[in-house]
Amino acid sequence: MATHTKTFIKKMNEQLLEEEARLRSELGQIADPQAEGGSEYATRFPQYGDSEEDNAAEVEDFSHNIAMKGTLTKELADVQKTLKRLGTGDYGICKYCEQPIEEKRLEARPTSNSCVACKKALKQEI
């Protein structure tokens, strides 16, 4: 059910690949991958020194990095799922109503898997 042009799909694929690289780079600054090419990361504990101030800063930064790692790994997983949908030809199709997702929505949020109407309906149900 191809609904978007090949040019649009190629553009979105490139954008998603760039986003995947950016997320991996940011994760690499605070965490170590648990497997080659995987999406599991272990947050690194910073080592600033042995003073009480250093220890406090290490704990504070580690706590911040844990939260950041969670956000980045979720975003990375979303991008990877979207890249798979691109590969299977399911990209740009709402998972609820199976209608094309508007290109403007996909440009604003490339990982969208629902159209605006279905997303609004879901939010009202909650």
PDB file of N, CA and C in Angstrom:
ATOM      1  N   MET A   1       0.848  -1.182   0.000  1.00  0.00           N
ATOM      2  CA  MET A   1       0.000   0.000   0.000  1.00  0.00           C
ATOM      3  C   MET A   1       0.892   1.244   0.000  1.00  0.00           C
ATOM      4  N   ALA A   2       1.569   1.469  -1.097  1.00  0.00           N
ATOM      5  CA  ALA A   2       2.453   2.633  -1.210  1.00  0.00           C
ATOM      6  C   ALA A   2       1.621   3.884  -1.439  1.00  0.00           C
ATOM      7  N   THR A   3       1.764   4.843  -0.543  1.00  0.00           N
ATOM      8  CA  THR A   3       0.980   6.070  -0.654  1.00  0.00           C
ATOM      9  C   THR A   3       1.854   7.307  -0.759  1.00  0.00           C
ATOM     10  N   HIS A   4       3.085   7.199  -0.342  1.00  0.00           N
ATOM     11  CA  HIS A   4       4.000   8.334  -0.395  1.00  0.00           C
ATOM     12  C   HIS A   4       4.983   8.115  -1.546  1.00  0.00           C
ATOM     13  N   THR A   5       5.473   9.215  -2.089  1.00  0.00           N
ATOM     14  CA  THR A   5       6.399   9.108  -3.215  1.00  0.00           C
ATOM     15  C   THR A   5       7.731   8.500  -2.767  1.00  0.00           C
ATOM     16  N   LYS A   6       8.436   7.921  -3.724  1.00  0.00           N
ATOM     17  CA  LYS A   6       9.754   7.357  -3.431  1.00  0.00           C
ATOM     18  C   LYS A   6      10.699   8.434  -2.924  1.00  0.00           C
ATOM     19  N   THR A   7      10.571   9.643  -3.461  1.00  0.00           N
ATOM     20  CA  THR A   7      11.409  10.762  -3.036  1.00  0.00           C
ATOM     21  C   THR A   7      11.158  11.103  -1.575  1.00  0.00           C
ATOM     22  N   PHE A   8       9.892  11.134  -1.188  1.00  0.00           N
ATOM     23  CA  PHE A   8       9.544  11.434   0.207  1.00  0.00           C
ATOM     24  C   PHE A   8      10.065  10.326   1.130  1.00  0.00           C
ATOM     25  N   ILE A   9       9.862   9.078   0.742  1.00  0.00           N
ATOM     26  CA  ILE A   9      10.324   7.945   1.559  1.00  0.00           C
ATOM     27  C   ILE A   9      11.846   7.988   1.700  1.00  0.00           C
ATOM     28  N   LYS A  10      12.553   8.286   0.622  1.00  0.00           N
ATOM     29  CA  LYS A  10      14.018   8.373   0.670  1.00  0.00           C
ATOM     30  C   LYS A  10      14.446   9.489   1.616  1.00  0.00           C
ATOM     31  N   LYS A  11      13.780  10.637   1.520  1.00  0.00           N
ATOM     32  CA  LYS A  11      14.087  11.775   2.397  1.00  0.00           C
ATOM     33  C   LYS A  11      13.891  11.399   3.864  1.00  0.00           C
ATOM     34  N   MET A  12      12.786  10.711   4.166  1.00  0.00           N
ATOM     35  CA  MET A  12      12.504  10.332   5.550  1.00  0.00           C
ATOM     36  C   MET A  12      13.510   9.283   6.030  1.00  0.00           C
ATOM     37  N   ASN A  13      13.886   8.358   5.158  1.00  0.00           N
ATOM     38  CA  ASN A  13      14.875   7.346   5.510  1.00  0.00           C
ATOM     39  C   ASN A  13      16.204   8.008   5.875  1.00  0.00           C
ATOM     40  N   GLU A  14      16.638   8.965   5.056  1.00  0.00           N
ATOM     41  CA  GLU A  14      17.892   9.681   5.339  1.00  0.00           C
ATOM     42  C   GLU A  14      17.805  10.430   6.659  1.00  0.00           C
ATOM     43  N   GLN A  15      16.672  11.076   6.886  1.00  0.00           N
ATOM     44  CA  GLN A  15      16.475  11.830   8.131  1.00  0.00           C
ATOM     45  C   GLN A  15      16.514  10.886   9.335  1.00  0.00           C
ATOM     46  N   LEU A  16      15.877   9.735   9.219  1.00  0.00           N
ATOM     47  CA  LEU A  16      15.866   8.768  10.322  1.00  0.00           C
ATOM     48  C   LEU A  16      17.251   8.172  10.560  1.00  0.00           C
ATOM     49  N   LEU A  17      17.996   7.908   9.512  1.00  0.00           N
ATOM     50  CA  LEU A  17      19.354   7.397   9.679  1.00  0.00           C
ATOM     51  C   LEU A  17      20.251   8.424  10.368  1.00  0.00           C
ATOM     52  N   GLU A  18      20.088   9.696  10.017  1.00  0.00           N
ATOM     53  CA  GLU A  18      20.838  10.764  10.690  1.00  0.00           C
ATOM     54  C   GLU A  18      20.462  10.839  12.166  1.00  0.00           C
ATOM     55  N   GLU A  19      19.171  10.705  12.453  1.00  0.00           N
ATOM     56  CA  GLU A  19      18.701  10.744  13.834  1.00  0.00           C
ATOM     57  C   GLU A  19      19.241   9.550  14.620  1.00  0.00           C
ATOM     58  N   GLU A  20      19.274   8.388  13.996  1.00  0.00           N
ATOM     59  CA  GLU A  20      19.820   7.198  14.656  1.00  0.00           C
ATOM     60  C   GLU A  20      21.288   7.422  15.007  1.00  0.00           C
ATOM     61  N   ALA A  21      22.056   7.986  14.083  1.00  0.00           N
ATOM     62  CA  ALA A  21      23.481   8.257  14.332  1.00  0.00           C
ATOM     63  C   ALA A  21      23.650   9.272  15.450  1.00  0.00           C
ATOM     64  N   ARG A  22      22.806  10.318  15.447  1.00  0.00           N
ATOM     65  CA  ARG A  22      22.883  11.334  16.500  1.00  0.00           C
ATOM     66  C   ARG A  22      22.598  10.724  17.867  1.00  0.00           C
ATOM     67  N   LEU A  23      21.557   9.907  17.946  1.00  0.00           N
ATOM     68  CA  LEU A  23      21.184   9.282  19.223  1.00  0.00           C
ATOM     69  C   LEU A  23      22.284   8.349  19.715  1.00  0.00           C
ATOM     70  N   ARG A  24      22.851   7.562  18.811  1.00  0.00           N
ATOM     71  CA  ARG A  24      23.956   6.667  19.201  1.00  0.00           C
ATOM     72  C   ARG A  24      25.162   7.465  19.698  1.00  0.00           C
ATOM     73  N   SER A  25      25.427   8.595  19.053  1.00  0.00           N
ATOM     74  CA  SER A  25      26.541   9.445  19.464  1.00  0.00           C
ATOM     75  C   SER A  25      26.300  10.007  20.866  1.00  0.00           C
ATOM     76  N   GLU A  26      25.103  10.512  21.094  1.00  0.00           N
ATOM     77  CA  GLU A  26      24.783  11.059  22.419  1.00  0.00           C
ATOM     78  C   GLU A  26      24.833   9.973  23.488  1.00  0.00           C
ATOM     79  N   LEU A  27      24.308   8.804  23.166  1.00  0.00           N
ATOM     80  CA  LEU A  27      24.374   7.695  24.120  1.00  0.00           C
ATOM     81  C   LEU A  27      25.820   7.313  24.413  1.00  0.00           C
ATOM     82  N   GLY A  28      26.660   7.335  23.388  1.00  0.00           N
ATOM     83  CA  GLY A  28      28.066   6.977  23.547  1.00  0.00           C
ATOM     84  C   GLY A  28      28.829   7.899  24.475  1.00  0.00           C
ATOM     85  N   GLN A  29      28.309   9.092  24.701  1.00  0.00           N
ATOM     86  CA  GLN A  29      28.964  10.038  25.607  1.00  0.00           C
ATOM     87  C   GLN A  29      28.690   9.715  27.073  1.00  0.00           C
ATOM     88  N   ILE A  30      27.605   8.975  27.347  1.00  0.00           N
ATOM     89  CA  ILE A  30      27.236   8.710  28.749  1.00  0.00           C
ATOM     90  C   ILE A  30      27.094   7.232  29.084  1.00  0.00           C
ATOM     91  N   ALA A  31      27.124   6.369  28.041  1.00  0.00           N
ATOM     92  CA  ALA A  31      26.868   4.949  28.284  1.00  0.00           C
ATOM     93  C   ALA A  31      27.666   4.086  27.326  1.00  0.00           C
ATOM     94  N   ASP A  32      27.778   2.811  27.687  1.00  0.00           N
ATOM     95  CA  ASP A  32      28.473   1.840  26.851  1.00  0.00           C
ATOM     96  C   ASP A  32      27.462   0.847  26.298  1.00  0.00           C
ATOM     97  N   PRO A  33      27.545   0.558  24.986  1.00  0.00           N
ATOM     98  CA  PRO A  33      26.624  -0.434  24.416  1.00  0.00           C
ATOM     99  C   PRO A  33      26.906  -1.812  24.997  1.00  0.00           C
ATOM    100  N   GLN A  34      25.849  -2.578  25.233  1.00  0.00           N
ATOM    101  CA  GLN A  34      26.006  -3.913  25.799  1.00  0.00           C
ATOM    102  C   GLN A  34      26.259  -4.970  24.732  1.00  0.00           C
ATOM    103  N   ALA A  35      25.912  -4.658  23.483  1.00  0.00           N
ATOM    104  CA  ALA A  35      26.171  -5.565  22.367  1.00  0.00           C
ATOM    105  C   ALA A  35      26.378  -4.714  21.122  1.00  0.00           C
ATOM    106  N   GLU A  36      27.162  -5.206  20.196  1.00  0.00           N
ATOM    107  CA  GLU A  36      27.443  -4.479  18.956  1.00  0.00           C
ATOM    108  C   GLU A  36      26.154  -4.210  18.187  1.00  0.00           C
ATOM    109  N   GLY A  37      25.868  -2.924  17.934  1.00  0.00           N
ATOM    110  CA  GLY A  37      24.694  -2.544  17.164  1.00  0.00           C
ATOM    111  C   GLY A  37      23.373  -2.680  17.902  1.00  0.00           C
ATOM    112  N   GLY A  38      23.422  -3.054  19.168  1.00  0.00           N
ATOM    113  CA  GLY A  38      22.200  -3.258  19.932  1.00  0.00           C
ATOM    114  C   GLY A  38      21.619  -1.968  20.472  1.00  0.00           C
ATOM    115  N   SER A  39      20.534  -2.109  21.207  1.00  0.00           N
ATOM    116  CA  SER A  39      19.886  -0.925  21.775  1.00  0.00           C
ATOM    117  C   SER A  39      19.963  -0.923  23.293  1.00  0.00           C
ATOM    118  N   GLU A  40      20.731  -1.836  23.883  1.00  0.00           N
ATOM    119  CA  GLU A  40      20.915  -1.871  25.329  1.00  0.00           C
ATOM    120  C   GLU A  40      22.217  -1.161  25.684  1.00  0.00           C
ATOM    121  N   TYR A  41      22.117  -0.247  26.636  1.00  0.00           N
ATOM    122  CA  TYR A  41      23.274   0.532  27.064  1.00  0.00           C
ATOM    123  C   TYR A  41      23.370   0.534  28.583  1.00  0.00           C
ATOM    124  N   ALA A  42      24.599   0.554  29.085  1.00  0.00           N
ATOM    125  CA  ALA A  42      24.848   0.673  30.518  1.00  0.00           C
ATOM    126  C   ALA A  42      25.444   2.048  30.787  1.00  0.00           C
ATOM    127  N   THR A  43      24.820   2.775  31.682  1.00  0.00           N
ATOM    128  CA  THR A  43      25.288   4.125  32.007  1.00  0.00           C
ATOM    129  C   THR A  43      26.637   4.050  32.708  1.00  0.00           C
ATOM    130  N   ARG A  44      27.584   4.854  32.236  1.00  0.00           N
ATOM    131  CA  ARG A  44      28.902   4.942  32.856  1.00  0.00           C
ATOM    132  C   ARG A  44      28.836   5.785  34.119  1.00  0.00           C
ATOM    133  N   PHE A  45      29.567   5.366  35.137  1.00  0.00           N
ATOM    134  CA  PHE A  45      29.668   6.165  36.355  1.00  0.00           C
ATOM    135  C   PHE A  45      30.871   7.087  36.198  1.00  0.00           C
ATOM    136  N   PRO A  46      30.647   8.397  36.285  1.00  0.00           N
ATOM    137  CA  PRO A  46      31.762   9.341  36.103  1.00  0.00           C
ATOM    138  C   PRO A  46      32.771   9.266  37.259  1.00  0.00           C
ATOM    139  N   GLN A  47      34.010   9.542  36.965  1.00  0.00           N
ATOM    140  CA  GLN A  47      35.076   9.552  37.964  1.00  0.00           C
ATOM    141  C   GLN A  47      35.752  10.922  37.951  1.00  0.00           C
ATOM    142  N   TYR A  48      35.430  11.749  38.929  1.00  0.00           N
ATOM    143  CA  TYR A  48      35.975  13.110  38.988  1.00  0.00           C
ATOM    144  C   TYR A  48      37.096  13.254  40.010  1.00  0.00           C
ATOM    145  N   GLY A  49      37.121  12.405  41.007  1.00  0.00           N
ATOM    146  CA  GLY A  49      38.129  12.521  42.054  1.00  0.00           C
ATOM    147  C   GLY A  49      37.631  11.883  43.334  1.00  0.00           C
ATOM    148  N   ASP A  50      38.339  12.171  44.452  1.00  0.00           N
ATOM    149  CA  ASP A  50      38.018  11.516  45.717  1.00  0.00           C
ATOM    150  C   ASP A  50      37.464  12.457  46.777  1.00  0.00           C
ATOM    151  N   SER A  51      37.348  13.729  46.477  1.00  0.00           N
ATOM    152  CA  SER A  51      36.823  14.651  47.480  1.00  0.00           C
ATOM    153  C   SER A  51      35.312  14.478  47.601  1.00  0.00           C
ATOM    154  N   GLU A  52      34.755  14.991  48.690  1.00  0.00           N
ATOM    155  CA  GLU A  52      33.305  14.909  48.884  1.00  0.00           C
ATOM    156  C   GLU A  52      32.561  15.630  47.768  1.00  0.00           C
ATOM    157  N   GLU A  53      33.103  16.766  47.336  1.00  0.00           N
ATOM    158  CA  GLU A  53      32.469  17.512  46.238  1.00  0.00           C
ATOM    159  C   GLU A  53      32.486  16.703  44.946  1.00  0.00           C
ATOM    160  N   ASP A  54      33.624  16.045  44.692  1.00  0.00           N
ATOM    161  CA  ASP A  54      33.721  15.202  43.499  1.00  0.00           C
ATOM    162  C   ASP A  54      32.723  14.054  43.572  1.00  0.00           C
ATOM    163  N   ASN A  55      32.642  13.429  44.745  1.00  0.00           N
ATOM    164  CA  ASN A  55      31.717  12.305  44.911  1.00  0.00           C
ATOM    165  C   ASN A  55      30.267  12.750  44.715  1.00  0.00           C
ATOM    166  N   ALA A  56      29.929  13.890  45.253  1.00  0.00           N
ATOM    167  CA  ALA A  56      28.561  14.411  45.102  1.00  0.00           C
ATOM    168  C   ALA A  56      28.260  14.717  43.639  1.00  0.00           C
ATOM    169  N   ALA A  57      29.240  15.297  42.952  1.00  0.00           N
ATOM    170  CA  ALA A  57      29.054  15.613  41.535  1.00  0.00           C
ATOM    171  C   ALA A  57      28.919  14.338  40.703  1.00  0.00           C
ATOM    172  N   GLU A  58      29.701  13.311  41.070  1.00  0.00           N
ATOM    173  CA  GLU A  58      29.612  12.036  40.351  1.00  0.00           C
ATOM    174  C   GLU A  58      28.216  11.429  40.471  1.00  0.00           C
ATOM    175  N   VAL A  59      27.686  11.412  41.683  1.00  0.00           N
ATOM    176  CA  VAL A  59      26.355  10.839  41.919  1.00  0.00           C
ATOM    177  C   VAL A  59      25.284  11.659  41.205  1.00  0.00           C
ATOM    178  N   GLU A  60      25.399  12.967  41.277  1.00  0.00           N
ATOM    179  CA  GLU A  60      24.416  13.828  40.610  1.00  0.00           C
ATOM    180  C   GLU A  60      24.437  13.628  39.096  1.00  0.00           C
ATOM    181  N   ASP A  61      25.638  13.623  38.528  1.00  0.00           N
ATOM    182  CA  ASP A  61      25.750  13.435  37.080  1.00  0.00           C
ATOM    183  C   ASP A  61      25.305  12.034  36.654  1.00  0.00           C
ATOM    184  N   PHE A  62      25.636  11.026  37.465  1.00  0.00           N
ATOM    185  CA  PHE A  62      25.224   9.660  37.158  1.00  0.00           C
ATOM    186  C   PHE A  62      23.694   9.557  37.148  1.00  0.00           C
ATOM    187  N   SER A  63      23.056  10.151  38.135  1.00  0.00           N
ATOM    188  CA  SER A  63      21.589  10.137  38.200  1.00  0.00           C
ATOM    189  C   SER A  63      20.986  10.824  36.976  1.00  0.00           C
ATOM    190  N   HIS A  64      21.553  11.954  36.622  1.00  0.00           N
ATOM    191  CA  HIS A  64      21.087  12.673  35.431  1.00  0.00           C
ATOM    192  C   HIS A  64      21.299  11.821  34.175  1.00  0.00           C
ATOM    193  N   ASN A  65      22.454  11.180  34.081  1.00  0.00           N
ATOM    194  CA  ASN A  65      22.780  10.373  32.909  1.00  0.00           C
ATOM    195  C   ASN A  65      21.878   9.143  32.789  1.00  0.00           C
ATOM    196  N   ILE A  66      21.459   8.575  33.918  1.00  0.00           N
ATOM    197  CA  ILE A  66      20.538   7.437  33.876  1.00  0.00           C
ATOM    198  C   ILE A  66      19.223   7.866  33.238  1.00  0.00           C
ATOM    199  N   ALA A  67      18.713   9.008  33.671  1.00  0.00           N
ATOM    200  CA  ALA A  67      17.462   9.517  33.098  1.00  0.00           C
ATOM    201  C   ALA A  67      17.641   9.840  31.613  1.00  0.00           C
ATOM    202  N   MET A  68      18.746  10.457  31.281  1.00  0.00           N
ATOM    203  CA  MET A  68      19.024  10.810  29.888  1.00  0.00           C
ATOM    204  C   MET A  68      19.151   9.550  29.036  1.00  0.00           C
ATOM    205  N   LYS A  69      19.827   8.535  29.565  1.00  0.00           N
ATOM    206  CA  LYS A  69      19.971   7.271  28.830  1.00  0.00           C
ATOM    207  C   LYS A  69      18.601   6.666  28.541  1.00  0.00           C
ATOM    208  N   GLY A  70      17.707   6.718  29.501  1.00  0.00           N
ATOM    209  CA  GLY A  70      16.361   6.188  29.302  1.00  0.00           C
ATOM    210  C   GLY A  70      15.641   6.889  28.163  1.00  0.00           C
ATOM    211  N   THR A  71      15.726   8.203  28.150  1.00  0.00           N
ATOM    212  CA  THR A  71      15.085   8.991  27.088  1.00  0.00           C
ATOM    213  C   THR A  71      15.706   8.675  25.732  1.00  0.00           C
ATOM    214  N   LEU A  72      17.029   8.670  25.668  1.00  0.00           N
ATOM    215  CA  LEU A  72      17.718   8.434  24.401  1.00  0.00           C
ATOM    216  C   LEU A  72      17.486   7.017  23.873  1.00  0.00           C
ATOM    217  N   THR A  73      17.478   6.013  24.757  1.00  0.00           N
ATOM    218  CA  THR A  73      17.262   4.645  24.288  1.00  0.00           C
ATOM    219  C   THR A  73      15.836   4.451  23.797  1.00  0.00           C
ATOM    220  N   LYS A  74      14.871   5.122  24.420  1.00  0.00           N
ATOM    221  CA  LYS A  74      13.487   5.044  23.937  1.00  0.00           C
ATOM    222  C   LYS A  74      13.385   5.680  22.551  1.00  0.00           C
ATOM    223  N   GLU A  75      13.994   6.860  22.389  1.00  0.00           N
ATOM    224  CA  GLU A  75      13.987   7.522  21.084  1.00  0.00           C
ATOM    225  C   GLU A  75      14.681   6.662  20.027  1.00  0.00           C
ATOM    226  N   LEU A  76      15.801   6.042  20.406  1.00  0.00           N
ATOM    227  CA  LEU A  76      16.535   5.184  19.474  1.00  0.00           C
ATOM    228  C   LEU A  76      15.672   3.986  19.064  1.00  0.00           C
ATOM    229  N   ALA A  77      14.987   3.387  20.015  1.00  0.00           N
ATOM    230  CA  ALA A  77      14.117   2.247  19.703  1.00  0.00           C
ATOM    231  C   ALA A  77      13.004   2.669  18.748  1.00  0.00           C
ATOM    232  N   ASP A  78      12.432   3.851  18.965  1.00  0.00           N
ATOM    233  CA  ASP A  78      11.386   4.365  18.072  1.00  0.00           C
ATOM    234  C   ASP A  78      11.919   4.546  16.654  1.00  0.00           C
ATOM    235  N   VAL A  79      13.120   5.103  16.545  1.00  0.00           N
ATOM    236  CA  VAL A  79      13.731   5.312  15.230  1.00  0.00           C
ATOM    237  C   VAL A  79      13.999   3.964  14.560  1.00  0.00           C
ATOM    238  N   GLN A  80      14.509   3.006  15.312  1.00  0.00           N
ATOM    239  CA  GLN A  80      14.814   1.698  14.732  1.00  0.00           C
ATOM    240  C   GLN A  80      13.540   0.975  14.277  1.00  0.00           C
ATOM    241  N   LYS A  81      12.465   1.069  15.051  1.00  0.00           N
ATOM    242  CA  LYS A  81      11.187   0.476  14.636  1.00  0.00           C
ATOM    243  C   LYS A  81      10.687   1.144  13.358  1.00  0.00           C
ATOM    244  N   THR A  82      10.859   2.452  13.276  1.00  0.00           N
ATOM    245  CA  THR A  82      10.415   3.190  12.093  1.00  0.00           C
ATOM    246  C   THR A  82      11.232   2.800  10.872  1.00  0.00           C
ATOM    247  N   LEU A  83      12.533   2.633  11.040  1.00  0.00           N
ATOM    248  CA  LEU A  83      13.374   2.193   9.925  1.00  0.00           C
ATOM    249  C   LEU A  83      12.942   0.804   9.435  1.00  0.00           C
ATOM    250  N   LYS A  84      12.539  -0.056  10.360  1.00  0.00           N
ATOM    251  CA  LYS A  84      12.036  -1.376   9.960  1.00  0.00           C
ATOM    252  C   LYS A  84      10.746  -1.233   9.147  1.00  0.00           C
ATOM    253  N   ARG A  85       9.856  -0.319   9.586  1.00  0.00           N
ATOM    254  CA  ARG A  85       8.616  -0.088   8.839  1.00  0.00           C
ATOM    255  C   ARG A  85       8.926   0.442   7.440  1.00  0.00           C
ATOM    256  N   LEU A  86       9.943   1.278   7.331  1.00  0.00           N
ATOM    257  CA  LEU A  86      10.367   1.753   6.013  1.00  0.00           C
ATOM    258  C   LEU A  86      10.795   0.572   5.144  1.00  0.00           C
ATOM    259  N   GLY A  87      11.519  -0.350   5.736  1.00  0.00           N
ATOM    260  CA  GLY A  87      12.007  -1.517   5.000  1.00  0.00           C
ATOM    261  C   GLY A  87      10.906  -2.468   4.561  1.00  0.00           C
ATOM    262  N   THR A  88       9.841  -2.548   5.331  1.00  0.00           N
ATOM    263  CA  THR A  88       8.751  -3.465   4.997  1.00  0.00           C
ATOM    264  C   THR A  88       7.664  -2.801   4.164  1.00  0.00           C
ATOM    265  N   GLY A  89       7.778  -1.484   3.964  1.00  0.00           N
ATOM    266  CA  GLY A  89       6.777  -0.770   3.177  1.00  0.00           C
ATOM    267  C   GLY A  89       5.568  -0.314   3.978  1.00  0.00           C
ATOM    268  N   ASP A  90       5.636  -0.449   5.300  1.00  0.00           N
ATOM    269  CA  ASP A  90       4.516  -0.040   6.170  1.00  0.00           C
ATOM    270  C   ASP A  90       4.626   1.399   6.648  1.00  0.00           C
ATOM    271  N   TYR A  91       5.704   2.073   6.280  1.00  0.00           N
ATOM    272  CA  TYR A  91       5.920   3.434   6.765  1.00  0.00           C
ATOM    273  C   TYR A  91       4.873   4.385   6.190  1.00  0.00           C
ATOM    274  N   GLY A  92       4.377   5.268   7.054  1.00  0.00           N
ATOM    275  CA  GLY A  92       3.435   6.289   6.612  1.00  0.00           C
ATOM    276  C   GLY A  92       1.996   5.830   6.592  1.00  0.00           C
ATOM    277  N   ILE A  93       1.741   4.639   7.142  1.00  0.00           N
ATOM    278  CA  ILE A  93       0.388   4.105   7.221  1.00  0.00           C
ATOM    279  C   ILE A  93      -0.014   4.044   8.692  1.00  0.00           C
ATOM    280  N   CYS A  94      -1.169   4.608   9.024  1.00  0.00           N
ATOM    281  CA  CYS A  94      -1.658   4.607  10.401  1.00  0.00           C
ATOM    282  C   CYS A  94      -1.906   3.174  10.860  1.00  0.00           C
ATOM    283  N   LYS A  95      -1.394   2.840  12.032  1.00  0.00           N
ATOM    284  CA  LYS A  95      -1.549   1.474  12.525  1.00  0.00           C
ATOM    285  C   LYS A  95      -2.967   1.201  13.025  1.00  0.00           C
ATOM    286  N   TYR A  96      -3.780   2.245  13.172  1.00  0.00           N
ATOM    287  CA  TYR A  96      -5.147   2.065  13.661  1.00  0.00           C
ATOM    288  C   TYR A  96      -6.169   2.017  12.531  1.00  0.00           C
ATOM    289  N   CYS A  97      -6.131   2.987  11.642  1.00  0.00           N
ATOM    290  CA  CYS A  97      -7.137   3.060  10.574  1.00  0.00           C
ATOM    291  C   CYS A  97      -6.597   2.611   9.218  1.00  0.00           C
ATOM    292  N   GLU A  98      -5.281   2.349   9.161  1.00  0.00           N
ATOM    293  CA  GLU A  98      -4.604   1.887   7.952  1.00  0.00           C
ATOM    294  C   GLU A  98      -4.712   2.860   6.782  1.00  0.00           C
ATOM    295  N   GLN A  99      -4.892   4.125   7.097  1.00  0.00           N
ATOM    296  CA  GLN A  99      -4.916   5.182   6.087  1.00  0.00           C
ATOM    297  C   GLN A  99      -3.565   5.883   6.090  1.00  0.00           C
ATOM    298  N   PRO A 100      -3.214   6.557   4.998  1.00  0.00           N
ATOM    299  CA  PRO A 100      -1.931   7.272   4.940  1.00  0.00           C
ATOM    300  C   PRO A 100      -1.846   8.363   6.015  1.00  0.00           C
ATOM    301  N   ILE A 101      -0.684   8.469   6.610  1.00  0.00           N
ATOM    302  CA  ILE A 101      -0.404   9.555   7.553  1.00  0.00           C
ATOM    303  C   ILE A 101       0.044  10.749   6.724  1.00  0.00           C
ATOM    304  N   GLU A 102      -0.435  11.929   7.067  1.00  0.00           N
ATOM    305  CA  GLU A 102      -0.115  13.141   6.327  1.00  0.00           C
ATOM    306  C   GLU A 102       1.397  13.380   6.328  1.00  0.00           C
ATOM    307  N   GLU A 103       1.919  13.811   5.190  1.00  0.00           N
ATOM    308  CA  GLU A 103       3.355  14.048   5.073  1.00  0.00           C
ATOM    309  C   GLU A 103       3.824  15.124   6.035  1.00  0.00           C
ATOM    310  N   LYS A 104       3.003  16.150   6.272  1.00  0.00           N
ATOM    311  CA  LYS A 104       3.399  17.207   7.211  1.00  0.00           C
ATOM    312  C   LYS A 104       3.617  16.616   8.605  1.00  0.00           C
ATOM    313  N   ARG A 105       2.769  15.677   9.007  1.00  0.00           N
ATOM    314  CA  ARG A 105       2.925  15.040  10.326  1.00  0.00           C
ATOM    315  C   ARG A 105       4.221  14.227  10.354  1.00  0.00           C
ATOM    316  N   LEU A 106       4.484  13.492   9.298  1.00  0.00           N
ATOM    317  CA  LEU A 106       5.697  12.681   9.250  1.00  0.00           C
ATOM    318  C   LEU A 106       6.949  13.550   9.222  1.00  0.00           C
ATOM    319  N   GLU A 107       6.866  14.700   8.557  1.00  0.00           N
ATOM    320  CA  GLU A 107       8.018  15.606   8.546  1.00  0.00           C
ATOM    321  C   GLU A 107       8.266  16.185   9.936  1.00  0.00           C
ATOM    322  N   ALA A 108       7.192  16.463  10.657  1.00  0.00           N
ATOM    323  CA  ALA A 108       7.322  17.020  12.007  1.00  0.00           C
ATOM    324  C   ALA A 108       7.743  15.950  13.009  1.00  0.00           C
ATOM    325  N   ARG A 109       7.234  14.743  12.827  1.00  0.00           N
ATOM    326  CA  ARG A 109       7.540  13.631  13.730  1.00  0.00           C
ATOM    327  C   ARG A 109       7.709  12.364  12.895  1.00  0.00           C
ATOM    328  N   PRO A 110       8.909  12.140  12.376  1.00  0.00           N
ATOM    329  CA  PRO A 110       9.150  11.024  11.455  1.00  0.00           C
ATOM    330  C   PRO A 110       8.804   9.642  12.014  1.00  0.00           C
ATOM    331  N   THR A 111       8.780   9.493  13.333  1.00  0.00           N
ATOM    332  CA  THR A 111       8.486   8.189  13.926  1.00  0.00           C
ATOM    333  C   THR A 111       6.994   7.968  14.170  1.00  0.00           C
ATOM    334  N   SER A 112       6.155   8.883  13.719  1.00  0.00           N
ATOM    335  CA  SER A 112       4.711   8.723  13.916  1.00  0.00           C
ATOM    336  C   SER A 112       4.223   7.436  13.266  1.00  0.00           C
ATOM    337  N   ASN A 113       3.362   6.737  13.984  1.00  0.00           N
ATOM    338  CA  ASN A 113       2.764   5.538  13.404  1.00  0.00           C
ATOM    339  C   ASN A 113       1.239   5.621  13.426  1.00  0.00           C
ATOM    340  N   SER A 114       0.733   6.836  13.689  1.00  0.00           N
ATOM    341  CA  SER A 114      -0.718   7.042  13.650  1.00  0.00           C
ATOM    342  C   SER A 114      -1.014   8.407  13.035  1.00  0.00           C
ATOM    343  N   CYS A 115      -2.179   8.484  12.417  1.00  0.00           N
ATOM    344  CA  CYS A 115      -2.596   9.757  11.828  1.00  0.00           C
ATOM    345  C   CYS A 115      -3.097  10.686  12.931  1.00  0.00           C
ATOM    346  N   VAL A 116      -3.273  11.940  12.605  1.00  0.00           N
ATOM    347  CA  VAL A 116      -3.711  12.933  13.584  1.00  0.00           C
ATOM    348  C   VAL A 116      -5.085  12.568  14.157  1.00  0.00           C
ATOM    349  N   ALA A 117      -6.009  12.154  13.306  1.00  0.00           N
ATOM    350  CA  ALA A 117      -7.368  11.839  13.769  1.00  0.00           C
ATOM    351  C   ALA A 117      -7.357  10.693  14.781  1.00  0.00           C
ATOM    352  N   CYS A 118      -6.619   9.643  14.504  1.00  0.00           N
ATOM    353  CA  CYS A 118      -6.557   8.513  15.439  1.00  0.00           C
ATOM    354  C   CYS A 118      -5.840   8.895  16.735  1.00  0.00           C
ATOM    355  N   LYS A 119      -4.782   9.690  16.629  1.00  0.00           N
ATOM    356  CA  LYS A 119      -4.056  10.124  17.823  1.00  0.00           C
ATOM    357  C   LYS A 119      -4.954  10.960  18.718  1.00  0.00           C
ATOM    358  N   LYS A 120      -5.734  11.863  18.111  1.00  0.00           N
ATOM    359  CA  LYS A 120      -6.676  12.680  18.896  1.00  0.00           C
ATOM    360  C   LYS A 120      -7.721  11.794  19.561  1.00  0.00           C
ATOM    361  N   ALA A 121      -8.232  10.815  18.842  1.00  0.00           N
ATOM    362  CA  ALA A 121      -9.241   9.912  19.400  1.00  0.00           C
ATOM    363  C   ALA A 121      -8.656   9.121  20.570  1.00  0.00           C
ATOM    364  N   LEU A 122      -7.429   8.672  20.446  1.00  0.00           N
ATOM    365  CA  LEU A 122      -6.783   7.924  21.527  1.00  0.00           C
ATOM    366  C   LEU A 122      -6.573   8.774  22.757  1.00  0.00           C
ATOM    367  N   LYS A 123      -6.158  10.013  22.567  1.00  0.00           N
ATOM    368  CA  LYS A 123      -5.922  10.910  23.704  1.00  0.00           C
ATOM    369  C   LYS A 123      -7.216  11.225  24.443  1.00  0.00           C
ATOM    370  N   GLN A 124      -8.319  11.305  23.736  1.00  0.00           N
ATOM    371  CA  GLN A 124      -9.603  11.592  24.374  1.00  0.00           C
ATOM    372  C   GLN A 124     -10.107  10.403  25.164  1.00  0.00           C
ATOM    373  N   GLU A 125      -9.722   9.182  24.764  1.00  0.00           N
ATOM    374  CA  GLU A 125     -10.146   7.978  25.479  1.00  0.00           C
ATOM    375  C   GLU A 125      -9.442   7.841  26.801  1.00  0.00           C
ATOM    376  N   ILE A 126      -8.227   8.337  26.888  1.00  0.00           N
ATOM    377  CA  ILE A 126      -7.408   8.148  28.089  1.00  0.00           C
ATOM    378  C   ILE A 126      -7.853   9.046  29.211  1.00  0.00           C
TER     379      ILE A 126
END
